[in-house]
Amino acid sequence: MDAVRTMYVIAHPESTHHIDGLVGGWYDSPLTATGLRDAAAIAESLRAAIPAHAEVELYSSDLRRAAQAADLIGELLHVPSVFDPRLREKSYGEAEGKPQEWLRERFVTPPAVGERMGHHDGIPGSETMGAFGARVYAAMDAILASDCAHQIVVTHGGALTFAVGSWTKLPIDALAYARFHSASGSITELREDDYFHNRQVVRLGDISHLPAGIEALG
């Protein structure tokens, strides 16, 4: 069966906060030299996968590390980037840009059972998972309202769980526990067929296109 829509969800490549050991979230770190190299590899992989004359839409988090990757992809595919702050990573409030150890010392982990989506992690200004998920779902609703057959979404490792959840129409509360792992620089391929209109997860967190896989998130 032919695909009626294919979406490629990109977890942005390595950025400076990864190698500096800093909390990401909304901290606006740029890509490293390795991240820029990997963004170019992502762009080449997408160029090979998408027919040359097909209509393509490109959406991205507006944070610099995602935007840089999106711009490299857009340059090769000749498509403009549409930036949406709803595709950002989870906000960690006052922890952003601080050493990871600072966050670990103050972070309140969610309960093993019970209220998890509304749990507050104890960091002033940070988002609950429920608020984080709701805005990513809203962004995905807007993207999926388009009937473009080839869509690219550049986002962050944490946000990808909610992008996949929205694609598969999982109730957001189902993601109180479930997570979809994606390494930095990975491509997740989602496809809807034109007969049953089933939505598949064809590839999850694929890094085979990268010169070297880097297991960093955010």
Protein backbone atom coordinates (compact mmCIF):
# COMPACT_ATOMS: atom_id res chain seq x y z
CA MET A 1 0.00 0.00 0.00
CA ASP A 2 1.25 3.47 -0.85
CA ALA A 3 1.84 6.00 1.87
CA VAL A 4 -0.58 8.91 2.12
CA ARG A 5 1.77 10.72 4.50
CA THR A 6 5.31 10.21 5.74
CA MET A 7 6.68 12.22 8.64
CA TYR A 8 10.33 12.30 9.69
CA VAL A 9 10.89 13.39 13.29
CA ILE A 10 14.45 14.49 13.96
CA ALA A 11 16.05 14.65 17.39
CA HIS A 12 18.56 17.46 16.93
CA PRO A 13 22.26 16.48 16.91
CA GLU A 14 24.91 17.18 19.54
CA SER A 15 24.91 20.68 21.00
CA THR A 16 27.31 22.46 23.35
CA HIS A 17 25.27 21.81 26.49
CA HIS A 18 25.72 18.05 25.94
CA ILE A 19 29.50 18.20 26.01
CA ASP A 20 29.63 20.91 28.70
CA GLY A 21 27.45 18.85 31.07
CA LEU A 22 24.80 21.56 31.33
CA VAL A 23 21.03 21.26 31.68
CA GLY A 24 19.32 21.77 28.33
CA GLY A 25 15.60 22.43 28.38
CA TRP A 26 15.08 25.91 26.96
CA TYR A 27 18.75 26.82 27.40
CA ASP A 28 19.62 28.07 23.92
CA SER A 29 22.81 26.19 23.12
CA PRO A 30 24.14 25.89 19.55
CA LEU A 31 25.23 22.76 17.74
CA THR A 32 28.83 21.64 18.09
CA ALA A 33 31.03 20.99 15.06
CA THR A 34 30.01 17.33 15.36
CA GLY A 35 26.37 18.37 15.56
CA LEU A 36 26.66 20.44 12.40
CA ARG A 37 28.32 17.52 10.62
CA ASP A 38 25.55 15.20 11.74
CA ALA A 39 22.85 17.69 10.70
CA ALA A 40 24.33 17.64 7.21
CA ALA A 41 24.19 13.83 7.26
CA ILE A 42 20.54 13.97 8.31
CA ALA A 43 19.80 16.33 5.44
CA GLU A 44 21.49 14.00 2.96
CA SER A 45 19.52 11.02 4.29
CA LEU A 46 16.23 12.88 3.95
CA ARG A 47 17.14 14.06 0.45
CA ALA A 48 17.69 10.42 -0.53
CA ALA A 49 14.39 9.32 1.04
CA ILE A 50 12.06 12.02 -0.30
CA PRO A 51 11.29 12.20 -4.05
CA ALA A 52 13.07 15.12 -5.70
CA HIS A 53 9.97 17.01 -6.83
CA ALA A 54 7.71 16.17 -3.89
CA GLU A 55 6.14 18.88 -1.78
CA VAL A 56 7.81 19.00 1.63
CA GLU A 57 6.96 20.85 4.83
CA LEU A 58 9.63 21.50 7.47
CA TYR A 59 8.78 22.36 11.06
CA SER A 60 11.19 22.96 13.92
CA SER A 61 11.60 23.97 17.51
CA ASP A 62 12.80 27.57 17.60
CA LEU A 63 15.70 26.78 19.95
CA ARG A 64 19.02 27.37 18.22
CA ARG A 65 20.25 23.77 18.26
CA ALA A 66 17.12 22.55 16.48
CA ALA A 67 16.84 25.61 14.23
CA GLN A 68 20.41 25.16 12.97
CA ALA A 69 19.67 21.57 12.02
CA ALA A 70 16.39 22.56 10.36
CA ASP A 71 18.08 25.27 8.32
CA LEU A 72 20.68 22.82 6.99
CA ILE A 73 17.91 20.40 6.04
CA GLY A 74 15.86 23.16 4.47
CA GLU A 75 18.81 24.42 2.45
CA LEU A 76 19.36 21.03 0.85
CA LEU A 77 15.65 20.33 0.27
CA HIS A 78 14.89 23.90 -0.84
CA VAL A 79 12.13 24.36 1.72
CA PRO A 80 11.76 27.06 4.39
CA SER A 81 11.72 26.20 8.10
CA VAL A 82 8.58 26.97 10.10
CA PHE A 83 9.61 27.56 13.72
CA ASP A 84 7.21 26.64 16.51
CA PRO A 85 8.15 27.12 20.20
CA ARG A 86 5.67 24.39 21.12
CA LEU A 87 8.21 21.88 19.74
CA ARG A 88 10.81 22.85 22.36
CA GLU A 89 12.23 20.47 24.93
CA LYS A 90 10.74 20.37 28.43
CA SER A 91 11.47 23.55 30.34
CA TYR A 92 13.65 23.01 33.40
CA GLY A 93 13.14 26.55 34.67
CA GLU A 94 15.92 27.82 36.91
CA ALA A 95 18.06 24.75 36.19
CA GLU A 96 18.59 25.58 32.52
CA GLY A 97 22.22 26.24 31.65
CA LYS A 98 23.37 25.10 35.08
CA PRO A 99 25.54 22.01 35.66
CA GLN A 100 23.66 18.72 35.62
CA GLU A 101 24.80 18.13 39.19
CA TRP A 102 22.91 21.27 40.29
CA LEU A 103 19.72 19.77 38.88
CA ARG A 104 20.32 16.30 40.34
CA GLU A 105 20.73 17.73 43.84
CA ARG A 106 17.35 19.49 43.69
CA PHE A 107 15.26 17.33 41.39
CA VAL A 108 12.19 15.62 42.90
CA THR A 109 11.57 12.39 41.02
CA PRO A 110 8.00 11.44 40.07
CA PRO A 111 6.22 8.76 42.09
CA ALA A 112 6.39 5.18 40.86
CA VAL A 113 2.57 5.08 40.83
CA GLY A 114 -0.09 7.74 41.04
CA GLU A 115 -0.02 11.26 39.66
CA ARG A 116 2.92 11.57 37.30
CA MET A 117 1.84 13.94 34.52
CA GLY A 118 1.01 16.69 37.00
CA HIS A 119 4.03 16.01 39.23
CA HIS A 120 6.28 19.02 39.79
CA ASP A 121 10.00 18.28 39.87
CA GLY A 122 10.75 20.94 42.49
CA ILE A 123 12.63 23.30 40.16
CA PRO A 124 11.10 26.80 40.05
CA GLY A 125 9.79 27.65 36.62
CA SER A 126 9.96 24.11 35.24
CA GLU A 127 7.13 22.42 33.36
CA THR A 128 5.18 19.38 34.43
CA MET A 129 5.19 16.51 31.96
CA GLY A 130 1.49 17.16 31.41
CA ALA A 131 2.09 20.75 30.34
CA PHE A 132 5.07 19.73 28.22
CA GLY A 133 3.10 16.99 26.47
CA ALA A 134 0.05 19.17 25.90
CA ARG A 135 2.00 21.79 23.97
CA VAL A 136 3.80 19.20 21.80
CA TYR A 137 0.45 17.53 21.07
CA ALA A 138 -0.96 20.95 20.09
CA ALA A 139 1.96 21.54 17.73
CA MET A 140 1.46 18.12 16.17
CA ASP A 141 -2.27 18.75 15.74
CA ALA A 142 -1.43 21.88 13.74
CA ILE A 143 1.16 20.05 11.62
CA LEU A 144 -1.14 17.10 10.92
CA ALA A 145 -3.95 19.45 9.86
CA SER A 146 -1.96 19.90 6.65
CA ASP A 147 -2.38 17.28 3.92
CA CYS A 148 1.24 17.49 2.76
CA ALA A 149 2.56 13.99 2.01
CA HIS A 150 6.12 14.61 3.26
CA GLN A 151 6.68 16.40 6.55
CA ILE A 152 9.81 16.88 8.63
CA VAL A 153 9.75 17.85 12.31
CA VAL A 154 12.98 18.85 14.04
CA THR A 155 12.66 18.68 17.80
CA HIS A 156 14.36 17.32 20.94
CA GLY A 157 14.87 13.93 22.53
CA GLY A 158 12.26 14.40 25.25
CA ALA A 159 9.70 15.99 22.95
CA LEU A 160 9.92 13.10 20.50
CA THR A 161 7.96 10.83 22.85
CA PHE A 162 4.98 13.18 22.60
CA ALA A 163 5.38 13.61 18.84
CA VAL A 164 5.16 9.83 18.39
CA GLY A 165 2.33 9.61 20.92
CA SER A 166 0.35 12.21 19.00
CA TRP A 167 1.02 10.48 15.68
CA THR A 168 -0.29 7.16 17.01
CA LYS A 169 -3.21 8.93 18.71
CA LEU A 170 -2.26 7.70 22.16
CA PRO A 171 -4.13 9.50 24.94
CA ILE A 172 -1.61 11.84 26.52
CA ASP A 173 -2.08 10.20 29.93
CA ALA A 174 -0.75 6.95 28.42
CA LEU A 175 2.64 8.66 28.35
CA ALA A 176 2.80 8.99 32.11
CA TYR A 177 5.08 5.93 31.91
CA ALA A 178 5.85 5.19 28.26
CA ARG A 179 8.87 6.74 26.54
CA PHE A 180 10.22 6.46 22.99
CA HIS A 181 14.01 6.63 23.09
CA SER A 182 15.85 8.64 20.45
CA ALA A 183 19.55 9.44 20.29
CA SER A 184 20.73 12.86 19.23
CA GLY A 185 20.78 13.15 15.47
CA SER A 186 18.35 10.28 14.99
CA ILE A 187 15.54 9.99 12.48
CA THR A 188 12.16 8.52 13.41
CA GLU A 189 10.05 7.67 10.38
CA LEU A 190 6.26 7.66 10.68
CA ARG A 191 3.98 6.56 7.87
CA GLU A 192 0.22 6.48 7.24
CA ASP A 193 -1.08 4.21 4.49
CA ASP A 194 -3.70 5.34 1.99
CA TYR A 195 -6.01 2.33 2.37
CA PHE A 196 -6.55 1.54 6.04
CA HIS A 197 -5.08 4.87 7.19
CA ASN A 198 -3.09 2.99 9.78
CA ARG A 199 -0.28 4.99 11.31
CA GLN A 200 2.99 3.10 11.57
CA VAL A 201 6.26 3.74 13.37
CA VAL A 202 8.57 2.54 10.59
CA ARG A 203 11.87 3.54 12.20
CA LEU A 204 12.42 4.74 15.76
CA GLY A 205 15.58 6.65 16.68
CA ASP A 206 17.56 5.45 13.66
CA ILE A 207 21.20 6.67 13.62
CA SER A 208 22.50 4.53 10.75
CA HIS A 209 22.98 7.68 8.62
CA LEU A 210 25.44 9.23 11.09
CA PRO A 211 29.23 8.94 10.80
CA ALA A 212 29.17 7.99 14.51
CA GLY A 213 26.19 7.47 16.84
CA ILE A 214 26.04 9.80 19.85
CA GLU A 215 23.74 8.86 22.70
CA ALA A 216 22.92 12.32 24.03
CA LEU A 217 19.43 13.70 24.53
CA GLY A 218 17.78 17.09 24.83
